[in-house]
Structures are given as C-alpha cells and as structure tokens.
Amino acid sequence: YHDAATNALAVASQWQLCVTYFIAFALMSGSLEATFELGILLLVVNLAIVVTALFLGIKKNTERVLNEATIFKLRHALTIEKGIDKKKFDAAWGGLEQADPP
C-alpha cells in the first residue's frame, strides 16, 4: 500500500484472520475445546494485534513526515546554493571575457 498506516492495518488484519481461522479450524477438528478462556485468549490476541498495528502505523507515518520535511529543507537549500553558484559562475565567466577580448 502507498500509505504506511494502511499497510500496517492490512498486515494486522491479515494476522487477525490467520489466528482466528486457525483457532476455528482447531475447534472444528476437535483439537481444542471451546471454553471461556479460549475466547478471552482470542480476544486478547486480536486486541494486541490491533494495538501493535496502530503503534507501528503511527511510528511509520511520523518517520515519513520527518523524512519529507528533511527532503523539503534539502531541496530548498539546493535551490539557494544553485543561485549562488550561478552568480559565481557568471562573475568568473565575465572576468574571463574581459581578460581575453575577441
């Protein structure tokens, strides 16, 4: 996904579905017995996945914003330096033209 937060939520949703379907398969195959504790465990796992995804999404978005701000500052500095270099080049070129008339 283009947005880091969307990507984190998509991965979290994928893990939630995987864990939930695995528990459902284990229940249907008879490997596990449906108990209150199993339901609480499944709820805790799903909530932990959501909280982790939100934390990682916020962290990635913060890093992206800081990176974009740094890129903006560097591009601005490059524009200023380009203008200064152009003036220096024009002055040096003018000096060369005066030193060697046609």
C-alpha atoms as a PDB file:
ATOM      1  CA  TYR A   1       0.000   0.000   0.000  1.00  0.00           C
ATOM      2  CA  HIS A   2       1.102   3.572  -0.603  1.00  0.00           C
ATOM      3  CA  ASP A   3       0.324   4.805   2.911  1.00  0.00           C
ATOM      4  CA  ALA A   4       2.308   3.290   5.783  1.00  0.00           C
ATOM      5  CA  ALA A   5      -0.666   3.309   8.157  1.00  0.00           C
ATOM      6  CA  THR A   6      -2.840   1.479   5.634  1.00  0.00           C
ATOM      7  CA  ASN A   7      -0.103  -1.098   5.151  1.00  0.00           C
ATOM      8  CA  ALA A   8       0.227  -1.681   8.914  1.00  0.00           C
ATOM      9  CA  LEU A   9      -3.540  -2.130   9.276  1.00  0.00           C
ATOM     10  CA  ALA A  10      -3.644  -4.508   6.328  1.00  0.00           C
ATOM     11  CA  VAL A  11      -0.897  -6.673   7.804  1.00  0.00           C
ATOM     12  CA  ALA A  12      -2.630  -6.628  11.185  1.00  0.00           C
ATOM     13  CA  SER A  13      -5.901  -7.684   9.583  1.00  0.00           C
ATOM     14  CA  GLN A  14      -4.103 -10.500   7.814  1.00  0.00           C
ATOM     15  CA  TRP A  15      -2.686 -11.777  11.113  1.00  0.00           C
ATOM     16  CA  GLN A  16      -6.052 -11.468  12.829  1.00  0.00           C
ATOM     17  CA  LEU A  17      -7.709 -13.547  10.143  1.00  0.00           C
ATOM     18  CA  CYS A  18      -4.921 -16.120  10.227  1.00  0.00           C
ATOM     19  CA  VAL A  19      -5.092 -16.563  14.015  1.00  0.00           C
ATOM     20  CA  THR A  20      -8.899 -16.581  14.072  1.00  0.00           C
ATOM     21  CA  TYR A  21      -9.205 -19.121  11.271  1.00  0.00           C
ATOM     22  CA  PHE A  22      -6.520 -21.307  12.842  1.00  0.00           C
ATOM     23  CA  ILE A  23      -8.419 -21.367  16.155  1.00  0.00           C
ATOM     24  CA  ALA A  24     -11.675 -22.029  14.279  1.00  0.00           C
ATOM     25  CA  PHE A  25     -10.024 -24.915  12.415  1.00  0.00           C
ATOM     26  CA  ALA A  26      -8.679 -26.328  15.673  1.00  0.00           C
ATOM     27  CA  LEU A  27     -12.153 -26.098  17.219  1.00  0.00           C
ATOM     28  CA  MET A  28     -13.830 -27.765  14.240  1.00  0.00           C
ATOM     29  CA  SER A  29     -11.253 -30.566  14.069  1.00  0.00           C
ATOM     30  CA  GLY A  30     -11.688 -31.313  17.773  1.00  0.00           C
ATOM     31  CA  SER A  31      -8.113 -30.434  18.746  1.00  0.00           C
ATOM     32  CA  LEU A  32      -9.386 -27.677  21.038  1.00  0.00           C
ATOM     33  CA  GLU A  33     -12.468 -27.429  23.176  1.00  0.00           C
ATOM     34  CA  ALA A  34     -14.491 -24.228  23.143  1.00  0.00           C
ATOM     35  CA  THR A  35     -14.031 -22.611  26.543  1.00  0.00           C
ATOM     36  CA  PHE A  36     -14.431 -19.175  28.023  1.00  0.00           C
ATOM     37  CA  GLU A  37     -10.636 -18.927  28.451  1.00  0.00           C
ATOM     38  CA  LEU A  38     -10.079 -19.681  24.757  1.00  0.00           C
ATOM     39  CA  GLY A  39     -12.487 -16.892  23.832  1.00  0.00           C
ATOM     40  CA  ILE A  40     -10.686 -14.474  26.147  1.00  0.00           C
ATOM     41  CA  LEU A  41      -7.321 -15.564  24.689  1.00  0.00           C
ATOM     42  CA  LEU A  42      -8.583 -14.959  21.154  1.00  0.00           C
ATOM     43  CA  LEU A  43      -9.930 -11.547  22.161  1.00  0.00           C
ATOM     44  CA  VAL A  44      -6.615 -10.575  23.807  1.00  0.00           C
ATOM     45  CA  VAL A  45      -4.612 -11.715  20.787  1.00  0.00           C
ATOM     46  CA  ASN A  46      -6.820  -9.702  18.418  1.00  0.00           C
ATOM     47  CA  LEU A  47      -6.627  -6.592  20.606  1.00  0.00           C
ATOM     48  CA  ALA A  48      -2.841  -6.935  20.901  1.00  0.00           C
ATOM     49  CA  ILE A  49      -2.559  -7.141  17.118  1.00  0.00           C
ATOM     50  CA  VAL A  50      -4.681  -4.002  16.664  1.00  0.00           C
ATOM     51  CA  VAL A  51      -2.704  -2.022  19.255  1.00  0.00           C
ATOM     52  CA  THR A  52       0.594  -3.124  17.721  1.00  0.00           C
ATOM     53  CA  ALA A  53      -0.604  -2.187  14.238  1.00  0.00           C
ATOM     54  CA  LEU A  54      -1.712   1.253  15.409  1.00  0.00           C
ATOM     55  CA  PHE A  55       1.621   1.839  17.139  1.00  0.00           C
ATOM     56  CA  LEU A  56       3.631   0.754  14.099  1.00  0.00           C
ATOM     57  CA  GLY A  57       1.419   2.781  11.747  1.00  0.00           C
ATOM     58  CA  ILE A  58       1.842   5.933  13.807  1.00  0.00           C
ATOM     59  CA  LYS A  59       5.600   5.339  14.030  1.00  0.00           C
ATOM     60  CA  LYS A  60       5.947   4.829  10.266  1.00  0.00           C
ATOM     61  CA  ASN A  61       3.855   7.910   9.492  1.00  0.00           C
ATOM     62  CA  THR A  62       5.949  10.017  11.876  1.00  0.00           C
ATOM     63  CA  GLU A  63       9.143   8.803  10.208  1.00  0.00           C
ATOM     64  CA  ARG A  64       7.686   9.558   6.777  1.00  0.00           C
ATOM     65  CA  VAL A  65       6.703  13.099   7.797  1.00  0.00           C
ATOM     66  CA  LEU A  66      10.183  13.761   9.213  1.00  0.00           C
ATOM     67  CA  ASN A  67      11.774  12.359   6.066  1.00  0.00           C
ATOM     68  CA  GLU A  68       9.600  14.565   3.843  1.00  0.00           C
ATOM     69  CA  ALA A  69      10.481  17.622   5.951  1.00  0.00           C
ATOM     70  CA  THR A  70      14.190  16.843   5.580  1.00  0.00           C
ATOM     71  CA  ILE A  71      13.824  16.415   1.818  1.00  0.00           C
ATOM     72  CA  PHE A  72      11.967  19.749   1.598  1.00  0.00           C
ATOM     73  CA  LYS A  73      14.734  21.519   3.543  1.00  0.00           C
ATOM     74  CA  LEU A  74      17.440  19.966   1.364  1.00  0.00           C
ATOM     75  CA  ARG A  75      15.659  20.941  -1.848  1.00  0.00           C
ATOM     76  CA  HIS A  76      15.269  24.500  -0.562  1.00  0.00           C
ATOM     77  CA  ALA A  77      18.982  24.659   0.326  1.00  0.00           C
ATOM     78  CA  LEU A  78      19.845  23.254  -3.096  1.00  0.00           C
ATOM     79  CA  THR A  79      17.811  25.984  -4.790  1.00  0.00           C
ATOM     80  CA  ILE A  80      19.611  28.691  -2.810  1.00  0.00           C
ATOM     81  CA  GLU A  81      23.050  27.163  -3.460  1.00  0.00           C
ATOM     82  CA  LYS A  82      22.235  26.845  -7.152  1.00  0.00           C
ATOM     83  CA  GLY A  83      21.518  30.584  -7.354  1.00  0.00           C
ATOM     84  CA  ILE A  84      24.735  31.451  -5.519  1.00  0.00           C
ATOM     85  CA  ASP A  85      26.781  29.144  -7.761  1.00  0.00           C
ATOM     86  CA  LYS A  86      25.191  30.691 -10.865  1.00  0.00           C
ATOM     87  CA  LYS A  87      26.222  34.173  -9.719  1.00  0.00           C
ATOM     88  CA  LYS A  88      29.790  32.989  -9.027  1.00  0.00           C
ATOM     89  CA  PHE A  89      29.978  31.296 -12.418  1.00  0.00           C
ATOM     90  CA  ASP A  90      28.663  34.373 -14.222  1.00  0.00           C
ATOM     91  CA  ALA A  91      31.189  36.579 -12.407  1.00  0.00           C
ATOM     92  CA  ALA A  92      34.066  34.219 -13.254  1.00  0.00           C
ATOM     93  CA  TRP A  93      32.935  33.961 -16.874  1.00  0.00           C
ATOM     94  CA  GLY A  94      32.682  37.739 -17.137  1.00  0.00           C
ATOM     95  CA  GLY A  95      36.234  38.019 -15.771  1.00  0.00           C
ATOM     96  CA  LEU A  96      37.469  35.575 -18.403  1.00  0.00           C
ATOM     97  CA  GLU A  97      35.744  37.504 -21.187  1.00  0.00           C
ATOM     98  CA  GLN A  98      37.362  40.755 -20.045  1.00  0.00           C
ATOM     99  CA  ALA A  99      40.811  39.173 -19.760  1.00  0.00           C
ATOM    100  CA  ASP A 100      40.671  37.761 -23.292  1.00  0.00           C
ATOM    101  CA  PRO A 101      38.852  40.185 -25.639  1.00  0.00           C
ATOM    102  CA  PRO A 102      37.831  38.850 -29.088  1.00  0.00           C
END
